[in-house]
Amino acid sequence: METREALALLGIENKVKISIFRLLSAILHLGNVIINEDENDTTFVKESDKSFSTFCSLLKFDENRMRTWLCNKRIKTGVEVVNTTLNLNQV
């Protein structure tokens, strides 16, 4: 309640306050996401991970695309593009 009042005193509009709280909530949910690793050191987020689903929903991200790029990276060298899987420490 105090945070909302402080933001109101600063003249922050309700729409902006909602966006701020949505972003903070998404960050907290992302911190609860469990990154899994298989026997080939390939990382992934389970489809059943509720925190991940909530994170994507709050930020209006496509879950499948976010699931892919959370555990992979793309390197562009000149004209060549290489996609690589990140291990658990890199994620």
PDB file of N, CA and C in Angstrom:
ATOM      1  N   MET A   1       0.825  -1.182   0.000  1.00  0.00           N
ATOM      2  CA  MET A   1       0.000   0.000   0.000  1.00  0.00           C
ATOM      3  C   MET A   1       0.876   1.255   0.000  1.00  0.00           C
ATOM      4  N   GLU A   2       1.953   1.224   0.795  1.00  0.00           N
ATOM      5  CA  GLU A   2       2.834   2.385   0.869  1.00  0.00           C
ATOM      6  C   GLU A   2       3.510   2.654  -0.471  1.00  0.00           C
ATOM      7  N   THR A   3       3.851   1.594  -1.165  1.00  0.00           N
ATOM      8  CA  THR A   3       4.502   1.761  -2.470  1.00  0.00           C
ATOM      9  C   THR A   3       3.556   2.443  -3.445  1.00  0.00           C
ATOM     10  N   ARG A   4       2.310   1.996  -3.465  1.00  0.00           N
ATOM     11  CA  ARG A   4       1.324   2.618  -4.358  1.00  0.00           C
ATOM     12  C   ARG A   4       1.117   4.088  -4.016  1.00  0.00           C
ATOM     13  N   GLU A   5       1.064   4.381  -2.735  1.00  0.00           N
ATOM     14  CA  GLU A   5       0.886   5.774  -2.307  1.00  0.00           C
ATOM     15  C   GLU A   5       2.092   6.621  -2.694  1.00  0.00           C
ATOM     16  N   ALA A   6       3.286   6.060  -2.534  1.00  0.00           N
ATOM     17  CA  ALA A   6       4.503   6.792  -2.904  1.00  0.00           C
ATOM     18  C   ALA A   6       4.533   7.063  -4.405  1.00  0.00           C
ATOM     19  N   LEU A   7       4.141   6.076  -5.197  1.00  0.00           N
ATOM     20  CA  LEU A   7       4.100   6.273  -6.648  1.00  0.00           C
ATOM     21  C   LEU A   7       3.059   7.325  -7.023  1.00  0.00           C
ATOM     22  N   ALA A   8       1.941   7.328  -6.310  1.00  0.00           N
ATOM     23  CA  ALA A   8       0.902   8.330  -6.564  1.00  0.00           C
ATOM     24  C   ALA A   8       1.413   9.729  -6.226  1.00  0.00           C
ATOM     25  N   LEU A   9       2.154   9.845  -5.128  1.00  0.00           N
ATOM     26  CA  LEU A   9       2.727  11.142  -4.748  1.00  0.00           C
ATOM     27  C   LEU A   9       3.711  11.647  -5.798  1.00  0.00           C
ATOM     28  N   LEU A  10       4.369  10.726  -6.476  1.00  0.00           N
ATOM     29  CA  LEU A  10       5.307  11.095  -7.538  1.00  0.00           C
ATOM     30  C   LEU A  10       4.596  11.426  -8.847  1.00  0.00           C
ATOM     31  N   GLY A  11       3.284  11.228  -8.857  1.00  0.00           N
ATOM     32  CA  GLY A  11       2.513  11.545 -10.051  1.00  0.00           C
ATOM     33  C   GLY A  11       2.496  10.438 -11.092  1.00  0.00           C
ATOM     34  N   ILE A  12       2.831   9.218 -10.674  1.00  0.00           N
ATOM     35  CA  ILE A  12       2.831   8.080 -11.592  1.00  0.00           C
ATOM     36  C   ILE A  12       1.386   7.660 -11.851  1.00  0.00           C
ATOM     37  N   GLU A  13       1.019   7.563 -13.112  1.00  0.00           N
ATOM     38  CA  GLU A  13      -0.346   7.183 -13.489  1.00  0.00           C
ATOM     39  C   GLU A  13      -0.606   5.713 -13.164  1.00  0.00           C
ATOM     40  N   ASN A  14      -1.882   5.376 -12.959  1.00  0.00           N
ATOM     41  CA  ASN A  14      -2.262   4.000 -12.643  1.00  0.00           C
ATOM     42  C   ASN A  14      -1.790   3.014 -13.701  1.00  0.00           C
ATOM     43  N   LYS A  15      -1.888   3.395 -14.956  1.00  0.00           N
ATOM     44  CA  LYS A  15      -1.470   2.510 -16.049  1.00  0.00           C
ATOM     45  C   LYS A  15       0.017   2.165 -15.929  1.00  0.00           C
ATOM     46  N   VAL A  16       0.817   3.145 -15.581  1.00  0.00           N
ATOM     47  CA  VAL A  16       2.261   2.932 -15.418  1.00  0.00           C
ATOM     48  C   VAL A  16       2.527   2.091 -14.172  1.00  0.00           C
ATOM     49  N   LYS A  17       1.783   2.349 -13.093  1.00  0.00           N
ATOM     50  CA  LYS A  17       1.938   1.558 -11.867  1.00  0.00           C
ATOM     51  C   LYS A  17       1.646   0.088 -12.133  1.00  0.00           C
ATOM     52  N   ILE A  18       0.594  -0.168 -12.883  1.00  0.00           N
ATOM     53  CA  ILE A  18       0.244  -1.550 -13.216  1.00  0.00           C
ATOM     54  C   ILE A  18       1.368  -2.205 -14.006  1.00  0.00           C
ATOM     55  N   SER A  19       1.946  -1.480 -14.939  1.00  0.00           N
ATOM     56  CA  SER A  19       3.064  -2.014 -15.728  1.00  0.00           C
ATOM     57  C   SER A  19       4.270  -2.313 -14.847  1.00  0.00           C
ATOM     58  N   ILE A  20       4.552  -1.436 -13.903  1.00  0.00           N
ATOM     59  CA  ILE A  20       5.677  -1.646 -12.983  1.00  0.00           C
ATOM     60  C   ILE A  20       5.456  -2.910 -12.158  1.00  0.00           C
ATOM     61  N   PHE A  21       4.264  -3.060 -11.585  1.00  0.00           N
ATOM     62  CA  PHE A  21       3.983  -4.233 -10.759  1.00  0.00           C
ATOM     63  C   PHE A  21       3.948  -5.509 -11.593  1.00  0.00           C
ATOM     64  N   ARG A  22       3.484  -5.416 -12.833  1.00  0.00           N
ATOM     65  CA  ARG A  22       3.471  -6.573 -13.728  1.00  0.00           C
ATOM     66  C   ARG A  22       4.906  -7.029 -14.009  1.00  0.00           C
ATOM     67  N   LEU A  23       5.790  -6.080 -14.279  1.00  0.00           N
ATOM     68  CA  LEU A  23       7.186  -6.406 -14.558  1.00  0.00           C
ATOM     69  C   LEU A  23       7.864  -7.010 -13.327  1.00  0.00           C
ATOM     70  N   LEU A  24       7.652  -6.414 -12.163  1.00  0.00           N
ATOM     71  CA  LEU A  24       8.237  -6.956 -10.933  1.00  0.00           C
ATOM     72  C   LEU A  24       7.729  -8.365 -10.648  1.00  0.00           C
ATOM     73  N   SER A  25       6.449  -8.580 -10.848  1.00  0.00           N
ATOM     74  CA  SER A  25       5.872  -9.903 -10.644  1.00  0.00           C
ATOM     75  C   SER A  25       6.482 -10.916 -11.613  1.00  0.00           C
ATOM     76  N   ALA A  26       6.650 -10.516 -12.870  1.00  0.00           N
ATOM     77  CA  ALA A  26       7.249 -11.410 -13.867  1.00  0.00           C
ATOM     78  C   ALA A  26       8.674 -11.784 -13.474  1.00  0.00           C
ATOM     79  N   ILE A  27       9.446 -10.811 -12.998  1.00  0.00           N
ATOM     80  CA  ILE A  27      10.828 -11.079 -12.579  1.00  0.00           C
ATOM     81  C   ILE A  27      10.849 -12.074 -11.419  1.00  0.00           C
ATOM     82  N   LEU A  28       9.944 -11.908 -10.464  1.00  0.00           N
ATOM     83  CA  LEU A  28       9.878 -12.834  -9.333  1.00  0.00           C
ATOM     84  C   LEU A  28       9.507 -14.239  -9.798  1.00  0.00           C
ATOM     85  N   HIS A  29       8.574 -14.349 -10.729  1.00  0.00           N
ATOM     86  CA  HIS A  29       8.202 -15.669 -11.257  1.00  0.00           C
ATOM     87  C   HIS A  29       9.351 -16.294 -12.040  1.00  0.00           C
ATOM     88  N   LEU A  30      10.085 -15.495 -12.787  1.00  0.00           N
ATOM     89  CA  LEU A  30      11.235 -16.023 -13.531  1.00  0.00           C
ATOM     90  C   LEU A  30      12.262 -16.616 -12.566  1.00  0.00           C
ATOM     91  N   GLY A  31      12.409 -16.015 -11.403  1.00  0.00           N
ATOM     92  CA  GLY A  31      13.328 -16.546 -10.399  1.00  0.00           C
ATOM     93  C   GLY A  31      12.918 -17.902  -9.860  1.00  0.00           C
ATOM     94  N   ASN A  32      11.649 -18.264 -10.011  1.00  0.00           N
ATOM     95  CA  ASN A  32      11.150 -19.562  -9.549  1.00  0.00           C
ATOM     96  C   ASN A  32      11.149 -20.627 -10.639  1.00  0.00           C
ATOM     97  N   VAL A  33      11.514 -20.260 -11.853  1.00  0.00           N
ATOM     98  CA  VAL A  33      11.532 -21.219 -12.960  1.00  0.00           C
ATOM     99  C   VAL A  33      12.663 -22.219 -12.735  1.00  0.00           C
ATOM    100  N   ILE A  34      12.356 -23.488 -12.932  1.00  0.00           N
ATOM    101  CA  ILE A  34      13.358 -24.545 -12.770  1.00  0.00           C
ATOM    102  C   ILE A  34      13.883 -24.930 -14.143  1.00  0.00           C
ATOM    103  N   ILE A  35      15.191 -24.761 -14.319  1.00  0.00           N
ATOM    104  CA  ILE A  35      15.850 -25.168 -15.558  1.00  0.00           C
ATOM    105  C   ILE A  35      16.326 -26.598 -15.352  1.00  0.00           C
ATOM    106  N   ASN A  36      15.924 -27.491 -16.234  1.00  0.00           N
ATOM    107  CA  ASN A  36      16.292 -28.898 -16.151  1.00  0.00           C
ATOM    108  C   ASN A  36      17.400 -29.199 -17.141  1.00  0.00           C
ATOM    109  N   GLU A  37      18.100 -30.304 -16.893  1.00  0.00           N
ATOM    110  CA  GLU A  37      19.188 -30.710 -17.778  1.00  0.00           C
ATOM    111  C   GLU A  37      19.089 -32.215 -17.983  1.00  0.00           C
ATOM    112  N   ASP A  38      19.197 -32.649 -19.240  1.00  0.00           N
ATOM    113  CA  ASP A  38      19.147 -34.083 -19.507  1.00  0.00           C
ATOM    114  C   ASP A  38      20.555 -34.675 -19.518  1.00  0.00           C
ATOM    115  N   GLU A  39      20.647 -35.959 -19.858  1.00  0.00           N
ATOM    116  CA  GLU A  39      21.939 -36.657 -19.829  1.00  0.00           C
ATOM    117  C   GLU A  39      22.927 -36.136 -20.871  1.00  0.00           C
ATOM    118  N   ASN A  40      22.445 -35.399 -21.863  1.00  0.00           N
ATOM    119  CA  ASN A  40      23.313 -34.809 -22.893  1.00  0.00           C
ATOM    120  C   ASN A  40      23.678 -33.359 -22.582  1.00  0.00           C
ATOM    121  N   ASP A  41      23.432 -32.929 -21.350  1.00  0.00           N
ATOM    122  CA  ASP A  41      23.677 -31.549 -20.918  1.00  0.00           C
ATOM    123  C   ASP A  41      22.817 -30.535 -21.659  1.00  0.00           C
ATOM    124  N   THR A  42      21.716 -30.987 -22.237  1.00  0.00           N
ATOM    125  CA  THR A  42      20.772 -30.093 -22.903  1.00  0.00           C
ATOM    126  C   THR A  42      19.805 -29.557 -21.854  1.00  0.00           C
ATOM    127  N   THR A  43      19.644 -28.250 -21.825  1.00  0.00           N
ATOM    128  CA  THR A  43      18.767 -27.637 -20.833  1.00  0.00           C
ATOM    129  C   THR A  43      17.379 -27.389 -21.414  1.00  0.00           C
ATOM    130  N   PHE A  44      16.387 -27.400 -20.526  1.00  0.00           N
ATOM    131  CA  PHE A  44      15.012 -27.176 -20.958  1.00  0.00           C
ATOM    132  C   PHE A  44      14.152 -26.770 -19.772  1.00  0.00           C
ATOM    133  N   VAL A  45      13.019 -26.167 -20.082  1.00  0.00           N
ATOM    134  CA  VAL A  45      12.014 -25.821 -19.080  1.00  0.00           C
ATOM    135  C   VAL A  45      10.819 -26.722 -19.336  1.00  0.00           C
ATOM    136  N   LYS A  46      10.365 -27.415 -18.303  1.00  0.00           N
ATOM    137  CA  LYS A  46       9.232 -28.327 -18.459  1.00  0.00           C
ATOM    138  C   LYS A  46       7.969 -27.557 -18.833  1.00  0.00           C
ATOM    139  N   GLU A  47       7.146 -28.206 -19.641  1.00  0.00           N
ATOM    140  CA  GLU A  47       5.870 -27.607 -20.061  1.00  0.00           C
ATOM    141  C   GLU A  47       4.969 -27.335 -18.857  1.00  0.00           C
ATOM    142  N   SER A  48       5.142 -28.110 -17.794  1.00  0.00           N
ATOM    143  CA  SER A  48       4.268 -27.994 -16.622  1.00  0.00           C
ATOM    144  C   SER A  48       4.732 -26.936 -15.618  1.00  0.00           C
ATOM    145  N   ASP A  49       5.799 -26.208 -15.919  1.00  0.00           N
ATOM    146  CA  ASP A  49       6.331 -25.208 -14.986  1.00  0.00           C
ATOM    147  C   ASP A  49       5.390 -24.003 -14.920  1.00  0.00           C
ATOM    148  N   LYS A  50       4.641 -23.906 -13.818  1.00  0.00           N
ATOM    149  CA  LYS A  50       3.637 -22.839 -13.657  1.00  0.00           C
ATOM    150  C   LYS A  50       4.276 -21.454 -13.566  1.00  0.00           C
ATOM    151  N   SER A  51       5.430 -21.367 -12.922  1.00  0.00           N
ATOM    152  CA  SER A  51       6.100 -20.065 -12.808  1.00  0.00           C
ATOM    153  C   SER A  51       6.504 -19.551 -14.179  1.00  0.00           C
ATOM    154  N   PHE A  52       6.965 -20.461 -15.034  1.00  0.00           N
ATOM    155  CA  PHE A  52       7.354 -20.069 -16.386  1.00  0.00           C
ATOM    156  C   PHE A  52       6.137 -19.588 -17.173  1.00  0.00           C
ATOM    157  N   SER A  53       5.033 -20.314 -17.053  1.00  0.00           N
ATOM    158  CA  SER A  53       3.801 -19.923 -17.747  1.00  0.00           C
ATOM    159  C   SER A  53       3.319 -18.556 -17.280  1.00  0.00           C
ATOM    160  N   THR A  54       3.375 -18.322 -15.978  1.00  0.00           N
ATOM    161  CA  THR A  54       2.950 -17.036 -15.432  1.00  0.00           C
ATOM    162  C   THR A  54       3.871 -15.921 -15.900  1.00  0.00           C
ATOM    163  N   PHE A  55       5.186 -16.172 -15.887  1.00  0.00           N
ATOM    164  CA  PHE A  55       6.171 -15.206 -16.376  1.00  0.00           C
ATOM    165  C   PHE A  55       5.841 -14.795 -17.810  1.00  0.00           C
ATOM    166  N   CYS A  56       5.624 -15.778 -18.676  1.00  0.00           N
ATOM    167  CA  CYS A  56       5.326 -15.489 -20.086  1.00  0.00           C
ATOM    168  C   CYS A  56       3.998 -14.762 -20.241  1.00  0.00           C
ATOM    169  N   SER A  57       3.020 -15.171 -19.473  1.00  0.00           N
ATOM    170  CA  SER A  57       1.703 -14.542 -19.542  1.00  0.00           C
ATOM    171  C   SER A  57       1.763 -13.075 -19.122  1.00  0.00           C
ATOM    172  N   LEU A  58       2.466 -12.788 -18.047  1.00  0.00           N
ATOM    173  CA  LEU A  58       2.567 -11.412 -17.553  1.00  0.00           C
ATOM    174  C   LEU A  58       3.225 -10.485 -18.572  1.00  0.00           C
ATOM    175  N   LEU A  59       4.222 -11.004 -19.291  1.00  0.00           N
ATOM    176  CA  LEU A  59       4.937 -10.174 -20.262  1.00  0.00           C
ATOM    177  C   LEU A  59       4.439 -10.377 -21.693  1.00  0.00           C
ATOM    178  N   LYS A  60       3.400 -11.212 -21.824  1.00  0.00           N
ATOM    179  CA  LYS A  60       2.792 -11.487 -23.134  1.00  0.00           C
ATOM    180  C   LYS A  60       3.814 -12.051 -24.121  1.00  0.00           C
ATOM    181  N   PHE A  61       4.650 -12.978 -23.608  1.00  0.00           N
ATOM    182  CA  PHE A  61       5.627 -13.678 -24.431  1.00  0.00           C
ATOM    183  C   PHE A  61       5.038 -14.999 -24.890  1.00  0.00           C
ATOM    184  N   ASP A  62       5.422 -15.439 -26.074  1.00  0.00           N
ATOM    185  CA  ASP A  62       5.070 -16.765 -26.557  1.00  0.00           C
ATOM    186  C   ASP A  62       5.891 -17.787 -25.761  1.00  0.00           C
ATOM    187  N   GLU A  63       5.212 -18.723 -25.097  1.00  0.00           N
ATOM    188  CA  GLU A  63       5.909 -19.679 -24.229  1.00  0.00           C
ATOM    189  C   GLU A  63       6.919 -20.534 -24.983  1.00  0.00           C
ATOM    190  N   ASN A  64       6.547 -21.031 -26.146  1.00  0.00           N
ATOM    191  CA  ASN A  64       7.453 -21.908 -26.894  1.00  0.00           C
ATOM    192  C   ASN A  64       8.711 -21.175 -27.331  1.00  0.00           C
ATOM    193  N   ARG A  65       8.552 -19.972 -27.827  1.00  0.00           N
ATOM    194  CA  ARG A  65       9.732 -19.197 -28.245  1.00  0.00           C
ATOM    195  C   ARG A  65      10.606 -18.851 -27.052  1.00  0.00           C
ATOM    196  N   MET A  66       9.999 -18.446 -25.941  1.00  0.00           N
ATOM    197  CA  MET A  66      10.781 -18.105 -24.755  1.00  0.00           C
ATOM    198  C   MET A  66      11.473 -19.341 -24.199  1.00  0.00           C
ATOM    199  N   ARG A  67      10.783 -20.485 -24.218  1.00  0.00           N
ATOM    200  CA  ARG A  67      11.375 -21.732 -23.735  1.00  0.00           C
ATOM    201  C   ARG A  67      12.617 -22.071 -24.561  1.00  0.00           C
ATOM    202  N   THR A  68      12.541 -21.834 -25.870  1.00  0.00           N
ATOM    203  CA  THR A  68      13.677 -22.103 -26.752  1.00  0.00           C
ATOM    204  C   THR A  68      14.829 -21.166 -26.453  1.00  0.00           C
ATOM    205  N   TRP A  69      14.577 -19.866 -26.410  1.00  0.00           N
ATOM    206  CA  TRP A  69      15.668 -18.894 -26.312  1.00  0.00           C
ATOM    207  C   TRP A  69      16.176 -18.678 -24.899  1.00  0.00           C
ATOM    208  N   LEU A  70      15.473 -19.214 -23.908  1.00  0.00           N
ATOM    209  CA  LEU A  70      15.997 -19.176 -22.550  1.00  0.00           C
ATOM    210  C   LEU A  70      17.152 -20.168 -22.398  1.00  0.00           C
ATOM    211  N   CYS A  71      17.108 -21.239 -23.188  1.00  0.00           N
ATOM    212  CA  CYS A  71      18.103 -22.314 -23.068  1.00  0.00           C
ATOM    213  C   CYS A  71      19.020 -22.424 -24.282  1.00  0.00           C
ATOM    214  N   ASN A  72      18.948 -21.490 -25.207  1.00  0.00           N
ATOM    215  CA  ASN A  72      19.776 -21.515 -26.413  1.00  0.00           C
ATOM    216  C   ASN A  72      20.297 -20.117 -26.707  1.00  0.00           C
ATOM    217  N   LYS A  73      21.316 -20.061 -27.536  1.00  0.00           N
ATOM    218  CA  LYS A  73      21.788 -18.756 -27.998  1.00  0.00           C
ATOM    219  C   LYS A  73      22.085 -18.845 -29.486  1.00  0.00           C
ATOM    220  N   ARG A  74      22.061 -17.704 -30.125  1.00  0.00           N
ATOM    221  CA  ARG A  74      22.325 -17.608 -31.562  1.00  0.00           C
ATOM    222  C   ARG A  74      23.541 -16.711 -31.751  1.00  0.00           C
ATOM    223  N   ILE A  75      24.507 -17.228 -32.485  1.00  0.00           N
ATOM    224  CA  ILE A  75      25.724 -16.473 -32.779  1.00  0.00           C
ATOM    225  C   ILE A  75      25.770 -16.226 -34.278  1.00  0.00           C
ATOM    226  N   LYS A  76      25.963 -14.976 -34.643  1.00  0.00           N
ATOM    227  CA  LYS A  76      26.055 -14.616 -36.059  1.00  0.00           C
ATOM    228  C   LYS A  76      27.491 -14.204 -36.349  1.00  0.00           C
ATOM    229  N   THR A  77      28.110 -14.919 -37.268  1.00  0.00           N
ATOM    230  CA  THR A  77      29.479 -14.611 -37.681  1.00  0.00           C
ATOM    231  C   THR A  77      29.461 -14.350 -39.177  1.00  0.00           C
ATOM    232  N   GLY A  78      29.517 -13.110 -39.537  1.00  0.00           N
ATOM    233  CA  GLY A  78      29.437 -12.772 -40.961  1.00  0.00           C
ATOM    234  C   GLY A  78      28.074 -13.134 -41.507  1.00  0.00           C
ATOM    235  N   VAL A  79      28.049 -14.081 -42.437  1.00  0.00           N
ATOM    236  CA  VAL A  79      26.784 -14.503 -43.036  1.00  0.00           C
ATOM    237  C   VAL A  79      26.246 -15.782 -42.403  1.00  0.00           C
ATOM    238  N   GLU A  80      27.051 -16.419 -41.569  1.00  0.00           N
ATOM    239  CA  GLU A  80      26.648 -17.680 -40.951  1.00  0.00           C
ATOM    240  C   GLU A  80      25.986 -17.429 -39.598  1.00  0.00           C
ATOM    241  N   VAL A  81      24.902 -18.182 -39.337  1.00  0.00           N
ATOM    242  CA  VAL A  81      24.199 -18.107 -38.058  1.00  0.00           C
ATOM    243  C   VAL A  81      24.242 -19.487 -37.423  1.00  0.00           C
ATOM    244  N   VAL A  82      24.703 -19.544 -36.171  1.00  0.00           N
ATOM    245  CA  VAL A  82      24.826 -20.817 -35.469  1.00  0.00           C
ATOM    246  C   VAL A  82      24.003 -20.752 -34.188  1.00  0.00           C
ATOM    247  N   ASN A  83      23.129 -21.735 -34.002  1.00  0.00           N
ATOM    248  CA  ASN A  83      22.358 -21.855 -32.767  1.00  0.00           C
ATOM    249  C   ASN A  83      23.027 -22.900 -31.888  1.00  0.00           C
ATOM    250  N   THR A  84      23.235 -22.575 -30.621  1.00  0.00           N
ATOM    251  CA  THR A  84      23.841 -23.524 -29.694  1.00  0.00           C
ATOM    252  C   THR A  84      23.007 -23.616 -28.425  1.00  0.00           C
ATOM    253  N   THR A  85      23.050 -24.805 -27.827  1.00  0.00           N
ATOM    254  CA  THR A  85      22.348 -25.039 -26.574  1.00  0.00           C
ATOM    255  C   THR A  85      23.234 -24.609 -25.421  1.00  0.00           C
ATOM    256  N   LEU A  86      22.637 -23.956 -24.447  1.00  0.00           N
ATOM    257  CA  LEU A  86      23.369 -23.538 -23.253  1.00  0.00           C
ATOM    258  C   LEU A  86      23.307 -24.647 -22.208  1.00  0.00           C
ATOM    259  N   ASN A  87      24.405 -24.836 -21.476  1.00  0.00           N
ATOM    260  CA  ASN A  87      24.360 -25.808 -20.388  1.00  0.00           C
ATOM    261  C   ASN A  87      23.770 -25.129 -19.149  1.00  0.00           C
ATOM    262  N   LEU A  88      23.633 -25.897 -18.091  1.00  0.00           N
ATOM    263  CA  LEU A  88      22.961 -25.394 -16.890  1.00  0.00           C
ATOM    264  C   LEU A  88      23.666 -24.177 -16.295  1.00  0.00           C
ATOM    265  N   ASN A  89      24.988 -24.165 -16.298  1.00  0.00           N
ATOM    266  CA  ASN A  89      25.726 -23.017 -15.758  1.00  0.00           C
ATOM    267  C   ASN A  89      25.563 -21.771 -16.618  1.00  0.00           C
ATOM    268  N   GLN A  90      25.427 -21.942 -17.916  1.00  0.00           N
ATOM    269  CA  GLN A  90      25.295 -20.803 -18.825  1.00  0.00           C
ATOM    270  C   GLN A  90      23.911 -20.177 -18.765  1.00  0.00           C
ATOM    271  N   VAL A  91      22.903 -21.007 -18.510  1.00  0.00           N
ATOM    272  CA  VAL A  91      21.536 -20.498 -18.437  1.00  0.00           C
ATOM    273  C   VAL A  91      21.430 -19.624 -17.214  1.00  0.00           C
TER     274      VAL A  91
END
